[in-house]
Amino acid sequence: MTNNILISGFGGQGVLFTGKFLAYEGLLENKEVTWLPSYGPEMRGGTANCAVIISDDPIGSPLVTHPNVLIAMNLPSLDKFEKDIVPGGMVFYDSSLIDRQITHTDIKAFAIPATKMANDAGFPTLANMIVLGKLLKETAMFPIDTIDKTIAKVVSARKQNLIELNKKAIQLGLDL
């Protein structure tokens, strides 16, 4: 099984962190993994995307040109990458920031009001983790009981106070 995942949004939306989480979770599950971040020089507010491949087999290239999973955190990202999703693929998008329907008819689409949910819950910077929770639920890519271990590893030492909030945000996505 191979998952070609593309995560895209504005800098500051946690795009690279979401990819880092998925890549690390893949490592913990003894999968072959690549993580390829891409962002503009302006970082916060500029465009950012991250390609993650998680596979049972060796990976020949870290590039994801035709994802089977897309996370779009803003409208420009959805506009740019929706056409590239393979038939039967999935798109998870922040419907708080994206006000249009998916035009691709042969994929599963999950509209998640992540930014609104994150604001309402009191952690406005964690919309990405809500979307991640929904992705983990719908794809069954990884066992849910390993999330805590992964969060503890990928949250930086200076942000350890955010571990519990990240867990709560993921749980909101899992509960959708």
Protein backbone atom coordinates (compact mmCIF):
# COMPACT_ATOMS: atom_id res chain seq x y z
CA MET A 1 0.00 0.00 0.00
CA THR A 2 1.30 3.44 -0.95
CA ASN A 3 -0.19 6.80 0.04
CA ASN A 4 0.87 9.84 -1.97
CA ILE A 5 -0.18 12.78 0.17
CA LEU A 6 -0.05 16.46 -0.70
CA ILE A 7 -0.71 19.07 1.98
CA SER A 8 -1.06 22.68 0.90
CA GLY A 9 -1.97 26.09 2.29
CA PHE A 10 -0.52 29.40 3.39
CA GLY A 11 2.64 29.55 5.48
CA GLY A 12 1.68 29.55 9.15
CA GLN A 13 -1.24 27.12 8.72
CA GLY A 14 0.78 24.15 9.91
CA VAL A 15 1.19 22.54 6.49
CA LEU A 16 4.77 21.41 7.09
CA PHE A 17 4.01 20.27 10.64
CA THR A 18 1.10 18.13 9.38
CA GLY A 19 3.43 16.49 6.86
CA LYS A 20 6.06 15.99 9.52
CA PHE A 21 3.47 14.28 11.74
CA LEU A 22 2.40 11.89 8.97
CA ALA A 23 6.00 11.09 8.02
CA TYR A 24 6.99 10.40 11.61
CA GLU A 25 3.92 8.24 12.16
CA GLY A 26 4.93 6.27 9.08
CA LEU A 27 8.39 5.74 10.54
CA LEU A 28 6.90 4.48 13.80
CA GLU A 29 4.84 2.00 11.79
CA ASN A 30 7.98 0.76 10.00
CA LYS A 31 6.90 2.13 6.62
CA GLU A 32 9.05 3.61 3.88
CA VAL A 33 8.64 7.39 4.09
CA THR A 34 9.55 10.59 2.27
CA TRP A 35 8.78 14.15 3.40
CA LEU A 36 9.42 16.95 0.93
CA PRO A 37 8.50 20.49 2.09
CA SER A 38 8.18 23.40 -0.31
CA TYR A 39 7.56 27.01 0.64
CA GLY A 40 8.16 30.51 -0.64
CA PRO A 41 10.70 32.92 0.86
CA GLU A 42 8.00 34.82 2.71
CA MET A 43 7.02 31.69 4.75
CA ARG A 44 4.15 33.04 6.92
CA GLY A 45 1.41 34.14 4.56
CA GLY A 46 3.22 32.79 1.50
CA THR A 47 2.36 29.50 -0.15
CA ALA A 48 3.50 26.27 1.42
CA ASN A 49 3.01 22.66 0.50
CA CYS A 50 4.41 19.39 1.61
CA ALA A 51 4.58 16.05 -0.17
CA VAL A 52 4.55 12.90 1.96
CA ILE A 53 4.78 9.37 0.66
CA ILE A 54 4.12 6.47 2.99
CA SER A 55 4.62 3.03 1.51
CA ASP A 56 5.19 -0.63 2.28
CA ASP A 57 7.68 -0.70 -0.59
CA PRO A 58 10.82 1.34 -1.35
CA ILE A 59 10.06 4.81 -2.73
CA GLY A 60 11.72 5.82 -5.99
CA SER A 61 11.06 9.58 -5.85
CA PRO A 62 9.85 11.97 -3.17
CA LEU A 63 7.72 13.93 -5.65
CA VAL A 64 3.94 13.70 -5.43
CA THR A 65 2.45 14.79 -8.74
CA HIS A 66 -0.78 12.79 -8.51
CA PRO A 67 -1.83 12.50 -4.86
CA ASN A 68 -4.37 9.99 -3.65
CA VAL A 69 -4.82 12.23 -0.59
CA LEU A 70 -4.94 16.04 -0.68
CA ILE A 71 -5.27 18.38 2.28
CA ALA A 72 -6.17 21.89 1.08
CA MET A 73 -6.11 24.52 3.81
CA ASN A 74 -7.08 27.41 1.49
CA LEU A 75 -8.79 28.10 -1.84
CA PRO A 76 -5.63 28.71 -3.92
CA SER A 77 -4.36 25.28 -2.83
CA LEU A 78 -7.59 23.54 -3.78
CA ASP A 79 -7.70 25.39 -7.10
CA LYS A 80 -4.12 24.39 -7.88
CA PHE A 81 -4.11 20.72 -6.86
CA GLU A 82 -7.69 19.37 -7.12
CA LYS A 83 -7.24 18.38 -10.76
CA ASP A 84 -4.21 16.23 -9.87
CA ILE A 85 -5.97 13.89 -7.41
CA VAL A 86 -6.17 10.34 -8.75
CA PRO A 87 -9.61 8.77 -9.29
CA GLY A 88 -10.77 7.19 -6.06
CA GLY A 89 -8.60 9.61 -4.06
CA MET A 90 -9.65 11.84 -1.19
CA VAL A 91 -9.55 15.56 -0.52
CA PHE A 92 -9.84 17.07 2.95
CA TYR A 93 -10.42 20.82 2.88
CA ASP A 94 -11.04 23.65 5.32
CA SER A 95 -14.58 24.73 4.45
CA SER A 96 -14.21 27.76 6.75
CA LEU A 97 -11.80 29.22 4.17
CA ILE A 98 -12.96 27.46 0.99
CA ASP A 99 -16.45 28.38 -0.15
CA ARG A 100 -16.78 26.25 -3.24
CA GLN A 101 -17.68 22.65 -3.91
CA ILE A 102 -15.27 20.06 -5.25
CA THR A 103 -15.55 19.72 -9.02
CA HIS A 104 -13.69 16.41 -9.28
CA THR A 105 -16.51 13.82 -9.42
CA ASP A 106 -14.54 10.60 -8.92
CA ILE A 107 -13.02 11.35 -5.49
CA LYS A 108 -14.27 11.50 -1.92
CA ALA A 109 -14.40 15.03 -0.52
CA PHE A 110 -14.51 15.98 3.15
CA ALA A 111 -15.45 19.58 3.96
CA ILE A 112 -14.20 20.37 7.45
CA PRO A 113 -14.90 23.79 9.04
CA ALA A 114 -11.51 23.49 10.72
CA THR A 115 -10.64 27.15 11.19
CA LYS A 116 -14.03 27.86 12.77
CA MET A 117 -13.79 24.78 14.96
CA ALA A 118 -10.27 25.67 16.09
CA ASN A 119 -11.30 29.25 16.90
CA ASP A 120 -14.40 28.06 18.78
CA ALA A 121 -12.30 25.57 20.79
CA GLY A 122 -9.78 28.24 21.80
CA PHE A 123 -6.78 27.04 19.76
CA PRO A 124 -6.98 29.08 16.54
CA THR A 125 -3.61 27.93 15.20
CA LEU A 126 -4.52 24.22 15.17
CA ALA A 127 -7.02 23.94 12.31
CA ASN A 128 -4.48 21.73 10.54
CA MET A 129 -4.64 19.19 13.37
CA ILE A 130 -8.44 19.02 13.16
CA VAL A 131 -8.14 18.23 9.45
CA LEU A 132 -5.43 15.68 10.28
CA GLY A 133 -7.76 13.97 12.76
CA LYS A 134 -10.45 13.64 10.08
CA LEU A 135 -7.87 12.27 7.63
CA LEU A 136 -6.69 9.67 10.16
CA LYS A 137 -10.29 8.60 10.78
CA GLU A 138 -11.32 8.33 7.13
CA THR A 139 -8.17 6.71 5.74
CA ALA A 140 -7.40 4.34 8.64
CA MET A 141 -3.81 4.86 7.50
CA PHE A 142 -2.50 4.43 11.04
CA PRO A 143 -3.80 3.03 14.31
CA ILE A 144 -5.36 5.83 16.35
CA ASP A 145 -3.73 4.62 19.57
CA THR A 146 -0.26 5.68 18.35
CA ILE A 147 -1.14 9.37 17.90
CA ASP A 148 -0.06 10.43 21.40
CA LYS A 149 3.39 8.95 20.91
CA THR A 150 3.81 10.70 17.57
CA ILE A 151 2.63 14.09 18.85
CA ALA A 152 5.11 13.87 21.72
CA LYS A 153 7.93 13.33 19.20
CA VAL A 154 7.07 15.94 16.58
CA VAL A 155 6.17 18.89 18.82
CA SER A 156 9.37 20.84 19.38
CA ALA A 157 10.94 21.04 22.83
CA ARG A 158 10.07 24.73 23.19
CA LYS A 159 6.39 24.07 22.42
CA GLN A 160 5.80 21.09 24.70
CA ASN A 161 2.97 23.06 26.32
CA LEU A 162 1.01 22.57 23.05
CA ILE A 163 1.02 18.75 23.11
CA GLU A 164 -2.34 18.47 24.89
CA LEU A 165 -3.94 21.10 22.65
CA ASN A 166 -2.71 19.22 19.55
CA LYS A 167 -4.25 16.02 20.94
CA LYS A 168 -7.55 17.82 21.55
CA ALA A 169 -7.53 19.25 18.02
CA ILE A 170 -6.90 15.82 16.50
CA GLN A 171 -9.70 14.40 18.62
CA LEU A 172 -12.11 17.04 17.26
CA GLY A 173 -11.29 15.80 13.76
CA LEU A 174 -11.65 12.18 14.79
CA ASP A 175 -15.09 12.95 16.25
CA LEU A 176 -16.42 14.49 13.01
